[in-house]
Amino acid sequence: MRIQLLLAATITLAAVTELPGQGRGRRGRMRPPTEAAPPPAEAPSEKVDDGPKEYTAIVGGDVYLGTGQRLTGATVLIADDKIEKVGHDLELPEGCKRIDATGKCVSPGFVCVMATGMGAARSAPFKDGSNPFDPQISQGLAAGITAFLAGSSGGGNTPSGSNAIAKLAFGDVDGMVAAEDTVVGLNVPLSLADYNRLEELVGKAKDYLKELAAFPAAKAKDPKAQEPRMPGGAEKIVGLLKGETRLWVSVGGGGFAAFMRRRGGGGGGGGANDVDDIRQALAISRLLGQGIVLNNPISAWLIPDEIAATGSMVVLNPRNRVPADPKEPDTTGTNIATAAILAEAGVPVAVTPPGGMFGGASPGTGGILGQDLNTPHVDAAFAVRGGLDNRKALRTITLDAARAIGAEARIGSLEAGKDADILILDGDPLHYATFVETALVNGKVVYEKANDPLFRQIERSR
């Protein structure tokens, strides 16, 4: 019995030893499955730090928030490219870079409602056409400009336009375009036929949005349901109704009439009073159910409450002068107090330099003062001369200017979560003798007076 068991064990061992060899090179046979090796233990993953990589604090300055408020001896804490906190006695993170602004003024960067140059492309694609090393960028930063609307605000009898919010992010092409197509525009007066056409398009756009909102429920009931189609020609209006863009309405139309107004002409008739045109623009505002931006109206000072009732705002050229009609001096022509009158009624106001001989109203090197690019605050100062409160005047080139171009959620004031576009100045932001000492765009120092040849040799007299 023991011999038989030994023999069986020997045969079995021989068979097991031979199995791998039997499988090699023979069809229809597979190697016996081998037990899989346990997977290697995963190395513990490193915790991803989504927090800010760099902190900067501007400390000790008199901080103008851009909202009309000022904090004395406060701190602005920046986390990467955003403002994290503004206030007193802030606890600064370890390794935070400090910029001493003691005895200085800290302000939001100035926002130009419209401008050209300073590294920005004139048309789309804006990023591809931007030049982050344009010498005009330093000139604009020295004047306090950190952002502006580039391109076209549109015109004609239906909303149009192609534009971008350009930033003076010297040396950083990726930081130069903050957003595109935030503004569309049209001109008034409109003919009755054009107004009816606009009204029809607005109706179609509203119906489309209602159908679009109802589509998911319809699709759930009927998988074959088709998504509603955008009505032809209504794309810009749909963007307005969705709150994606802001509508500018240029009062006075285009062509020779606008040319005469920029030159100070139009003594009497439609050239000296545009109340009817403003009211048509406000009718468009009510049609859309939202406020608009009235671009350079003459007679806004006559009907401020009507403008305020629609939630609209106004862009002014405070230095523009249109003579009053001698027969109706109390209801015609421009008024230097327009900004103050509108602000008293609750209408936000942004300012911009007067237009040149052949159009445009933007900082450049050929304006009335010869170098409007160097003096963007002058028009706000003109509004102060007309009675506007000094701190509200700062809003005309910061927060309310940002609102006019549809960018108030990102720029225009020193508030937590907004882009860190900040100026450190050696005096009041609107004083004619004030210089920008340091400018930050997207949280980075992009201009320092002491290191730039433009103004470094000039010392402000105390």
Protein backbone atom coordinates (compact mmCIF):
# COMPACT_ATOMS: atom_id res chain seq x y z
CA MET A 1 0.00 0.00 0.00
CA ARG A 2 2.81 2.41 0.93
CA ILE A 3 4.56 1.58 -2.41
CA GLN A 4 1.35 2.31 -4.35
CA LEU A 5 0.90 5.69 -2.67
CA LEU A 6 4.52 6.58 -3.33
CA LEU A 7 4.17 5.65 -6.98
CA ALA A 8 1.01 7.79 -7.35
CA ALA A 9 2.70 10.79 -5.78
CA THR A 10 5.70 10.44 -8.09
CA ILE A 11 3.45 10.32 -11.20
CA THR A 12 1.50 13.36 -10.05
CA LEU A 13 4.67 15.35 -9.40
CA ALA A 14 6.02 14.47 -12.82
CA ALA A 15 2.79 15.58 -14.49
CA VAL A 16 2.76 18.93 -12.69
CA THR A 17 6.37 19.56 -13.57
CA GLU A 18 5.69 18.93 -17.25
CA LEU A 19 2.52 21.02 -17.69
CA PRO A 20 4.18 24.33 -18.55
CA GLY A 21 6.26 22.70 -21.23
CA GLN A 22 3.20 21.01 -22.76
CA GLY A 23 1.53 24.33 -23.27
CA ARG A 24 4.33 26.02 -25.22
CA GLY A 25 3.76 26.25 -28.95
CA ARG A 26 0.55 24.18 -28.96
CA ARG A 27 -2.77 25.48 -30.21
CA GLY A 28 -5.89 24.98 -28.23
CA ARG A 29 -4.03 24.83 -24.96
CA MET A 30 -3.74 27.64 -22.42
CA ARG A 31 -1.46 28.06 -19.53
CA PRO A 32 -3.16 27.52 -16.25
CA PRO A 33 -4.23 30.78 -14.67
CA THR A 34 -1.73 32.16 -12.22
CA GLU A 35 -2.76 34.04 -9.17
CA ALA A 36 -2.57 37.81 -9.83
CA ALA A 37 -0.03 39.68 -7.80
CA PRO A 38 -1.57 42.21 -5.45
CA PRO A 39 -1.47 45.77 -6.85
CA PRO A 40 1.31 47.91 -5.45
CA ALA A 41 0.20 50.12 -2.62
CA GLU A 42 -0.64 53.61 -3.89
CA ALA A 43 1.55 56.34 -2.59
CA PRO A 44 -0.47 58.79 -0.55
CA SER A 45 -1.53 61.62 -2.87
CA GLU A 46 -0.28 65.05 -2.01
CA LYS A 47 -2.95 67.43 -0.91
CA VAL A 48 -3.62 70.01 -3.63
CA ASP A 49 -3.48 73.52 -2.26
CA ASP A 50 -6.12 75.59 -4.03
CA GLY A 51 -5.41 78.64 -1.88
CA PRO A 52 -3.60 81.78 -2.97
CA LYS A 53 0.03 81.38 -3.89
CA GLU A 54 1.09 84.94 -3.12
CA TYR A 55 -0.16 87.67 -0.78
CA THR A 56 0.50 91.39 -1.04
CA ALA A 57 -0.66 94.02 1.44
CA ILE A 58 -0.84 97.75 0.80
CA VAL A 59 -0.71 99.17 4.31
CA GLY A 60 -1.24 102.50 6.02
CA GLY A 61 -2.79 104.50 3.19
CA ASP A 62 -5.98 106.54 3.01
CA VAL A 63 -8.07 104.09 1.00
CA TYR A 64 -10.69 105.46 -1.39
CA LEU A 65 -12.96 102.49 -2.02
CA GLY A 66 -14.47 103.92 -5.22
CA THR A 67 -17.96 103.56 -3.74
CA GLY A 68 -17.87 107.03 -2.19
CA GLN A 69 -16.29 105.87 1.07
CA ARG A 70 -12.79 106.44 2.41
CA LEU A 71 -10.87 104.53 5.11
CA THR A 72 -8.02 106.36 6.82
CA GLY A 73 -4.85 104.37 7.51
CA ALA A 74 -6.30 101.13 6.19
CA THR A 75 -4.91 98.00 4.54
CA VAL A 76 -5.76 96.37 1.21
CA LEU A 77 -4.89 92.66 1.24
CA ILE A 78 -4.38 91.04 -2.15
CA ALA A 79 -4.40 87.28 -2.75
CA ASP A 80 -2.79 86.54 -6.12
CA ASP A 81 -4.80 88.73 -8.53
CA LYS A 82 -7.86 89.45 -6.35
CA ILE A 83 -8.62 91.71 -3.42
CA GLU A 84 -9.18 89.55 -0.34
CA LYS A 85 -9.91 92.12 2.36
CA VAL A 86 -9.96 95.85 2.93
CA GLY A 87 -9.99 97.32 6.43
CA HIS A 88 -8.12 98.13 9.61
CA ASP A 89 -5.98 95.83 11.76
CA LEU A 90 -6.02 92.98 9.24
CA GLU A 91 -4.05 89.86 10.13
CA LEU A 92 -1.53 89.38 7.35
CA PRO A 93 -0.62 85.85 6.20
CA GLU A 94 2.89 84.56 6.72
CA GLY A 95 5.23 85.62 3.93
CA CYS A 96 2.95 88.43 2.82
CA LYS A 97 4.71 91.15 0.79
CA ARG A 98 4.09 94.63 2.26
CA ILE A 99 3.86 97.89 0.32
CA ASP A 100 3.98 100.88 2.66
CA ALA A 101 1.44 103.53 1.64
CA THR A 102 1.65 105.63 4.81
CA GLY A 103 0.85 109.24 3.95
CA LYS A 104 -0.38 108.20 0.48
CA CYS A 105 -3.79 107.75 -1.11
CA VAL A 106 -4.93 104.35 -2.38
CA SER A 107 -7.58 104.25 -5.08
CA PRO A 108 -9.15 101.87 -7.58
CA GLY A 109 -7.53 102.11 -10.98
CA PHE A 110 -9.19 104.60 -13.29
CA VAL A 111 -11.56 103.10 -15.87
CA CYS A 112 -11.92 104.80 -19.24
CA VAL A 113 -15.34 104.31 -20.76
CA MET A 114 -13.83 104.24 -24.24
CA ALA A 115 -10.23 104.49 -25.38
CA THR A 116 -7.81 103.35 -28.05
CA GLY A 117 -4.17 102.36 -28.09
CA MET A 118 -2.36 101.46 -24.85
CA GLY A 119 -1.55 98.05 -26.27
CA ALA A 120 -5.12 97.04 -27.07
CA ALA A 121 -6.30 95.75 -30.43
CA ARG A 122 -8.87 97.87 -32.28
CA SER A 123 -10.95 94.88 -33.32
CA ALA A 124 -11.42 91.17 -32.70
CA PRO A 125 -9.64 88.89 -32.01
CA PHE A 126 -8.59 91.25 -29.23
CA LYS A 127 -6.15 89.01 -27.42
CA ASP A 128 -4.28 88.15 -30.61
CA GLY A 129 -3.91 91.84 -31.45
CA SER A 130 -2.79 93.00 -28.01
CA ASN A 131 0.73 94.31 -27.46
CA PRO A 132 1.73 93.99 -23.78
CA PHE A 133 4.89 96.03 -24.38
CA ASP A 134 3.32 99.07 -26.05
CA PRO A 135 5.03 102.20 -24.60
CA GLN A 136 1.62 103.86 -24.28
CA ILE A 137 0.76 101.36 -21.53
CA SER A 138 3.26 103.03 -19.19
CA GLN A 139 1.90 106.43 -20.16
CA GLY A 140 -1.64 105.31 -19.35
CA LEU A 141 -0.59 103.72 -16.06
CA ALA A 142 1.23 106.90 -15.07
CA ALA A 143 -2.10 108.68 -15.51
CA GLY A 144 -3.89 106.07 -13.40
CA ILE A 145 -5.67 104.19 -16.20
CA THR A 146 -5.85 100.45 -15.55
CA ALA A 147 -8.76 99.39 -17.81
CA PHE A 148 -10.89 100.66 -20.68
CA LEU A 149 -13.36 99.56 -23.33
CA ALA A 150 -11.61 98.93 -26.65
CA GLY A 151 -13.24 98.37 -30.04
CA SER A 152 -16.68 99.56 -31.08
CA SER A 153 -19.68 100.18 -28.84
CA GLY A 154 -21.94 99.77 -31.86
CA GLY A 155 -24.56 101.95 -33.50
CA GLY A 156 -27.28 101.94 -36.14
CA ASN A 157 -30.94 101.08 -35.65
CA THR A 158 -30.47 97.68 -34.00
CA PRO A 159 -27.98 96.65 -31.30
CA SER A 160 -24.49 95.93 -32.61
CA GLY A 161 -20.87 96.22 -31.55
CA SER A 162 -17.61 94.33 -31.09
CA ASN A 163 -15.48 95.28 -28.10
CA ALA A 164 -13.37 94.11 -25.19
CA ILE A 165 -12.44 95.27 -21.71
CA ALA A 166 -8.73 95.90 -22.08
CA LYS A 167 -6.36 96.03 -19.13
CA LEU A 168 -2.99 97.73 -18.93
CA ALA A 169 -1.28 94.52 -17.80
CA PHE A 170 2.19 95.46 -18.96
CA GLY A 171 4.19 92.43 -20.05
CA ASP A 172 1.29 89.99 -19.62
CA VAL A 173 -0.69 89.35 -22.78
CA ASP A 174 -2.96 86.86 -21.00
CA GLY A 175 -3.98 89.54 -18.52
CA MET A 176 -4.78 92.20 -21.10
CA VAL A 177 -8.30 91.12 -22.10
CA ALA A 178 -10.70 90.76 -19.18
CA ALA A 179 -13.88 90.12 -21.20
CA GLU A 180 -15.27 90.56 -24.69
CA ASP A 181 -18.52 92.00 -26.07
CA THR A 182 -19.88 93.40 -22.84
CA VAL A 183 -21.51 96.33 -24.65
CA VAL A 184 -23.85 96.70 -27.62
CA GLY A 185 -25.16 99.97 -28.96
CA LEU A 186 -27.68 101.72 -31.18
CA ASN A 187 -28.49 105.30 -32.13
CA VAL A 188 -31.59 107.41 -31.62
CA PRO A 189 -33.72 108.96 -32.97
CA LEU A 190 -35.25 105.93 -34.69
CA SER A 191 -37.86 106.24 -37.38
CA LEU A 192 -41.25 104.75 -36.57
CA ALA A 193 -40.51 101.82 -38.88
CA ASP A 194 -37.15 101.18 -37.19
CA TYR A 195 -38.68 101.39 -33.72
CA ASN A 196 -41.43 98.94 -34.71
CA ARG A 197 -38.80 96.58 -36.09
CA LEU A 198 -36.85 96.78 -32.82
CA GLU A 199 -40.04 96.18 -30.82
CA GLU A 200 -40.77 93.11 -32.94
CA LEU A 201 -37.26 91.71 -32.40
CA VAL A 202 -37.51 92.26 -28.64
CA GLY A 203 -40.84 90.40 -28.62
CA LYS A 204 -39.34 87.47 -30.53
CA ALA A 205 -36.33 87.39 -28.21
CA LYS A 206 -38.55 87.30 -25.11
CA ASP A 207 -40.66 84.49 -26.60
CA TYR A 208 -37.51 82.56 -27.46
CA LEU A 209 -36.21 82.83 -23.90
CA LYS A 210 -39.54 81.64 -22.50
CA GLU A 211 -39.50 78.63 -24.84
CA LEU A 212 -35.88 77.93 -23.96
CA ALA A 213 -36.71 77.94 -20.25
CA ALA A 214 -39.58 75.51 -20.85
CA PHE A 215 -37.56 73.21 -23.12
CA PRO A 216 -36.07 70.86 -20.46
CA ALA A 217 -39.57 69.98 -19.22
CA ALA A 218 -40.79 69.49 -22.79
CA LYS A 219 -37.77 67.28 -23.57
CA ALA A 220 -38.49 65.14 -20.50
CA LYS A 221 -42.01 64.48 -21.77
CA ASP A 222 -41.04 64.03 -25.41
CA PRO A 223 -37.47 62.92 -26.21
CA LYS A 224 -38.02 64.02 -29.82
CA ALA A 225 -38.74 67.61 -28.84
CA GLN A 226 -36.52 70.11 -30.65
CA GLU A 227 -34.72 72.92 -28.89
CA PRO A 228 -36.16 76.32 -29.90
CA ARG A 229 -34.21 78.24 -32.54
CA MET A 230 -32.75 81.67 -32.04
CA PRO A 231 -34.84 84.21 -34.02
CA GLY A 232 -32.88 85.74 -36.88
CA GLY A 233 -31.29 89.05 -35.98
CA ALA A 234 -32.15 88.75 -32.28
CA GLU A 235 -28.82 87.46 -30.94
CA LYS A 236 -27.69 90.78 -29.46
CA ILE A 237 -31.10 91.41 -27.91
CA VAL A 238 -31.12 87.96 -26.33
CA GLY A 239 -27.75 88.76 -24.76
CA LEU A 240 -29.21 91.98 -23.36
CA LEU A 241 -32.26 90.24 -21.92
CA LYS A 242 -30.03 87.61 -20.30
CA GLY A 243 -27.95 90.32 -18.66
CA GLU A 244 -24.80 89.35 -20.55
CA THR A 245 -24.34 92.77 -22.17
CA ARG A 246 -25.19 96.42 -21.56
CA LEU A 247 -27.01 98.63 -24.08
CA TRP A 248 -25.58 102.01 -24.99
CA VAL A 249 -27.93 104.39 -26.73
CA SER A 250 -26.14 107.27 -28.44
CA VAL A 251 -28.36 110.33 -28.49
CA GLY A 252 -28.37 112.61 -31.52
CA GLY A 253 -27.72 109.93 -34.14
CA GLY A 254 -24.60 109.99 -36.26
CA GLY A 255 -23.36 111.83 -39.28
CA PHE A 256 -23.12 115.61 -39.55
CA ALA A 257 -25.43 116.33 -36.60
CA ALA A 258 -23.12 114.48 -34.21
CA PHE A 259 -20.11 116.22 -35.78
CA MET A 260 -21.68 119.63 -35.15
CA ARG A 261 -22.42 118.76 -31.52
CA ARG A 262 -18.83 117.72 -30.89
CA ARG A 263 -17.70 121.02 -32.37
CA GLY A 264 -20.05 122.96 -30.10
CA GLY A 265 -22.52 123.77 -32.86
CA GLY A 266 -26.27 123.44 -32.98
CA GLY A 267 -27.60 126.70 -31.55
CA GLY A 268 -31.30 125.99 -31.36
CA GLY A 269 -33.64 123.32 -32.68
CA GLY A 270 -32.73 119.66 -32.23
CA GLY A 271 -29.03 120.52 -31.75
CA ALA A 272 -29.63 122.38 -28.48
CA ASN A 273 -32.30 120.16 -26.94
CA ASP A 274 -32.54 116.38 -27.26
CA VAL A 275 -35.21 115.61 -24.68
CA ASP A 276 -37.37 113.84 -27.29
CA ASP A 277 -34.46 111.61 -28.27
CA ILE A 278 -33.68 110.81 -24.63
CA ARG A 279 -37.32 109.87 -24.07
CA GLN A 280 -37.24 107.53 -27.05
CA ALA A 281 -34.14 105.92 -25.56
CA LEU A 282 -35.97 105.52 -22.26
CA ALA A 283 -38.87 103.90 -24.11
CA ILE A 284 -36.36 101.32 -25.39
CA SER A 285 -35.23 100.82 -21.79
CA ARG A 286 -38.82 100.11 -20.72
CA LEU A 287 -39.28 97.81 -23.72
CA LEU A 288 -36.30 95.74 -22.56
CA GLY A 289 -37.28 95.97 -18.91
CA GLN A 290 -33.82 97.12 -17.85
CA GLY A 291 -31.68 100.23 -17.58
CA ILE A 292 -29.59 101.49 -20.47
CA VAL A 293 -26.54 103.71 -20.83
CA LEU A 294 -27.35 107.10 -22.36
CA ASN A 295 -24.26 108.14 -24.27
CA ASN A 296 -23.55 111.88 -24.24
CA PRO A 297 -27.03 113.42 -24.08
CA ILE A 298 -27.28 117.23 -24.04
CA SER A 299 -30.50 117.66 -22.08
CA ALA A 300 -30.32 114.95 -19.42
CA TRP A 301 -30.26 117.70 -16.79
CA LEU A 302 -33.84 118.61 -17.72
CA ILE A 303 -35.39 115.17 -17.01
CA PRO A 304 -33.21 113.44 -14.36
CA ASP A 305 -36.16 111.81 -12.59
CA GLU A 306 -37.39 110.20 -15.83
CA ILE A 307 -33.94 108.72 -16.39
CA ALA A 308 -33.71 107.49 -12.80
CA ALA A 309 -37.12 105.81 -13.04
CA THR A 310 -35.82 103.38 -15.68
CA GLY A 311 -32.66 102.46 -13.76
CA SER A 312 -30.53 103.93 -16.54
CA MET A 313 -27.20 105.74 -16.30
CA VAL A 314 -25.44 108.46 -18.29
CA VAL A 315 -22.02 108.88 -19.87
CA LEU A 316 -21.10 112.56 -20.08
CA ASN A 317 -18.41 114.69 -21.66
CA PRO A 318 -18.38 117.46 -18.99
CA ARG A 319 -16.15 119.71 -21.10
CA ASN A 320 -18.55 119.62 -24.05
CA ARG A 321 -20.40 122.85 -24.60
CA VAL A 322 -23.53 123.25 -26.71
CA PRO A 323 -24.84 126.84 -26.67
CA ALA A 324 -28.38 127.45 -25.50
CA ASP A 325 -30.98 128.80 -27.87
CA PRO A 326 -31.31 132.51 -26.97
CA LYS A 327 -35.08 132.19 -27.33
CA GLU A 328 -35.24 129.32 -24.81
CA PRO A 329 -32.16 129.63 -22.58
CA ASP A 330 -33.70 127.71 -19.67
CA THR A 331 -34.44 124.51 -21.63
CA THR A 332 -31.67 124.27 -24.22
CA GLY A 333 -27.93 123.71 -24.37
CA THR A 334 -25.58 121.89 -22.02
CA ASN A 335 -25.27 122.52 -18.29
CA ILE A 336 -22.02 122.21 -16.35
CA ALA A 337 -24.10 121.04 -13.37
CA THR A 338 -25.52 118.04 -15.28
CA ALA A 339 -23.48 115.43 -13.38
CA ALA A 340 -24.50 116.90 -10.01
CA ILE A 341 -28.17 117.11 -11.03
CA LEU A 342 -28.21 113.51 -12.22
CA ALA A 343 -26.37 112.22 -9.13
CA GLU A 344 -28.88 114.01 -6.89
CA ALA A 345 -31.67 112.11 -8.68
CA GLY A 346 -29.85 108.79 -8.18
CA VAL A 347 -28.57 108.40 -11.75
CA PRO A 348 -25.04 106.93 -11.98
CA VAL A 349 -22.71 109.04 -14.13
CA ALA A 350 -19.48 108.16 -15.92
CA VAL A 351 -17.31 110.74 -17.65
CA THR A 352 -15.07 110.73 -20.68
CA PRO A 353 -13.08 113.37 -22.60
CA PRO A 354 -14.76 115.25 -25.46
CA GLY A 355 -14.65 113.78 -28.92
CA GLY A 356 -12.16 114.78 -31.55
CA MET A 357 -13.00 116.63 -34.72
CA PHE A 358 -13.88 113.46 -36.58
CA GLY A 359 -15.54 111.49 -33.82
CA GLY A 360 -14.70 109.43 -30.81
CA ALA A 361 -14.65 110.43 -27.17
CA SER A 362 -11.71 108.75 -25.55
CA PRO A 363 -8.31 109.49 -24.02
CA GLY A 364 -5.69 110.11 -26.66
CA THR A 365 -2.87 112.45 -27.53
CA GLY A 366 -4.88 115.01 -29.49
CA GLY A 367 -7.63 116.22 -27.17
CA ILE A 368 -8.59 119.70 -26.03
CA LEU A 369 -5.83 119.70 -23.41
CA GLY A 370 -3.43 118.30 -25.98
CA GLN A 371 -2.71 115.17 -23.98
CA ASP A 372 -5.96 113.69 -22.66
CA LEU A 373 -4.17 110.39 -22.17
CA ASN A 374 -2.22 112.06 -19.37
CA THR A 375 -5.25 113.56 -17.62
CA PRO A 376 -8.20 111.13 -17.36
CA HIS A 377 -9.25 112.71 -14.05
CA VAL A 378 -9.77 116.18 -15.55
CA ASP A 379 -13.33 115.47 -16.66
CA ALA A 380 -14.24 114.26 -13.19
CA ALA A 381 -12.78 117.52 -11.88
CA PHE A 382 -15.00 119.44 -14.33
CA ALA A 383 -17.99 117.62 -12.83
CA VAL A 384 -16.85 118.76 -9.37
CA ARG A 385 -16.70 122.33 -10.70
CA GLY A 386 -20.35 121.86 -11.65
CA GLY A 387 -21.28 120.93 -8.08
CA LEU A 388 -20.72 117.16 -7.92
CA ASP A 389 -19.42 115.86 -4.59
CA ASN A 390 -15.72 115.05 -4.79
CA ARG A 391 -16.09 111.40 -3.74
CA LYS A 392 -19.00 110.86 -6.12
CA ALA A 393 -16.83 112.39 -8.83
CA LEU A 394 -14.23 109.67 -8.24
CA ARG A 395 -16.95 107.13 -9.03
CA THR A 396 -17.33 108.69 -12.50
CA ILE A 397 -13.91 107.27 -13.44
CA THR A 398 -13.98 104.13 -11.28
CA LEU A 399 -17.09 102.20 -10.23
CA ASP A 400 -19.66 103.97 -12.41
CA ALA A 401 -17.34 103.91 -15.41
CA ALA A 402 -16.97 100.17 -14.84
CA ARG A 403 -20.76 99.86 -14.66
CA ALA A 404 -21.11 101.64 -18.02
CA ILE A 405 -18.95 99.01 -19.72
CA GLY A 406 -20.53 96.04 -17.92
CA ALA A 407 -17.52 95.33 -15.72
CA GLU A 408 -18.59 96.52 -12.26
CA ALA A 409 -18.49 92.95 -10.89
CA ARG A 410 -14.73 92.81 -11.51
CA ILE A 411 -13.27 96.32 -11.45
CA GLY A 412 -13.98 99.89 -10.36
CA SER A 413 -13.86 99.58 -6.56
CA LEU A 414 -11.69 98.13 -3.80
CA GLU A 415 -13.92 95.32 -2.57
CA ALA A 416 -13.27 91.69 -1.69
CA GLY A 417 -13.36 89.41 -4.72
CA LYS A 418 -12.64 92.09 -7.30
CA ASP A 419 -9.57 92.31 -9.50
CA ALA A 420 -6.63 93.94 -7.74
CA ASP A 421 -6.31 96.97 -10.04
CA ILE A 422 -5.02 99.55 -7.59
CA LEU A 423 -3.25 102.93 -7.54
CA ILE A 424 -1.01 104.40 -4.87
CA LEU A 425 -0.96 108.18 -5.31
CA ASP A 426 0.90 111.04 -3.64
CA GLY A 427 -2.27 113.09 -3.16
CA ASP A 428 -6.02 113.29 -3.70
CA PRO A 429 -6.98 111.20 -6.76
CA LEU A 430 -8.64 114.17 -8.51
CA HIS A 431 -6.09 116.88 -7.68
CA TYR A 432 -4.35 118.28 -10.74
CA ALA A 433 -0.90 117.99 -9.11
CA THR A 434 -1.26 114.38 -7.98
CA PHE A 435 1.05 111.71 -9.41
CA VAL A 436 0.60 107.96 -9.48
CA GLU A 437 3.52 106.47 -7.53
CA THR A 438 2.64 102.78 -8.03
CA ALA A 439 0.06 100.98 -10.14
CA LEU A 440 -1.00 97.35 -9.80
CA VAL A 441 -3.01 95.45 -12.40
CA ASN A 442 -4.27 91.95 -11.63
CA GLY A 443 -2.33 92.09 -8.37
CA LYS A 444 1.04 92.76 -10.01
CA VAL A 445 3.07 95.95 -9.79
CA VAL A 446 3.22 97.18 -13.39
CA TYR A 447 4.30 100.80 -12.92
CA GLU A 448 6.50 102.64 -10.43
CA LYS A 449 7.11 106.36 -10.90
CA ALA A 450 10.56 106.11 -9.34
CA ASN A 451 11.64 103.60 -12.00
CA ASP A 452 9.95 105.08 -15.07
CA PRO A 453 11.56 107.90 -17.06
CA LEU A 454 8.24 109.66 -17.80
CA PHE A 455 7.79 111.51 -14.47
CA ARG A 456 10.46 110.23 -12.10
CA GLN A 457 12.40 113.52 -12.20
CA ILE A 458 9.36 115.51 -10.97
CA GLU A 459 8.87 116.03 -7.26
CA ARG A 460 5.45 117.17 -6.13
CA SER A 461 5.64 120.43 -4.20
CA ARG A 462 4.00 120.24 -0.80
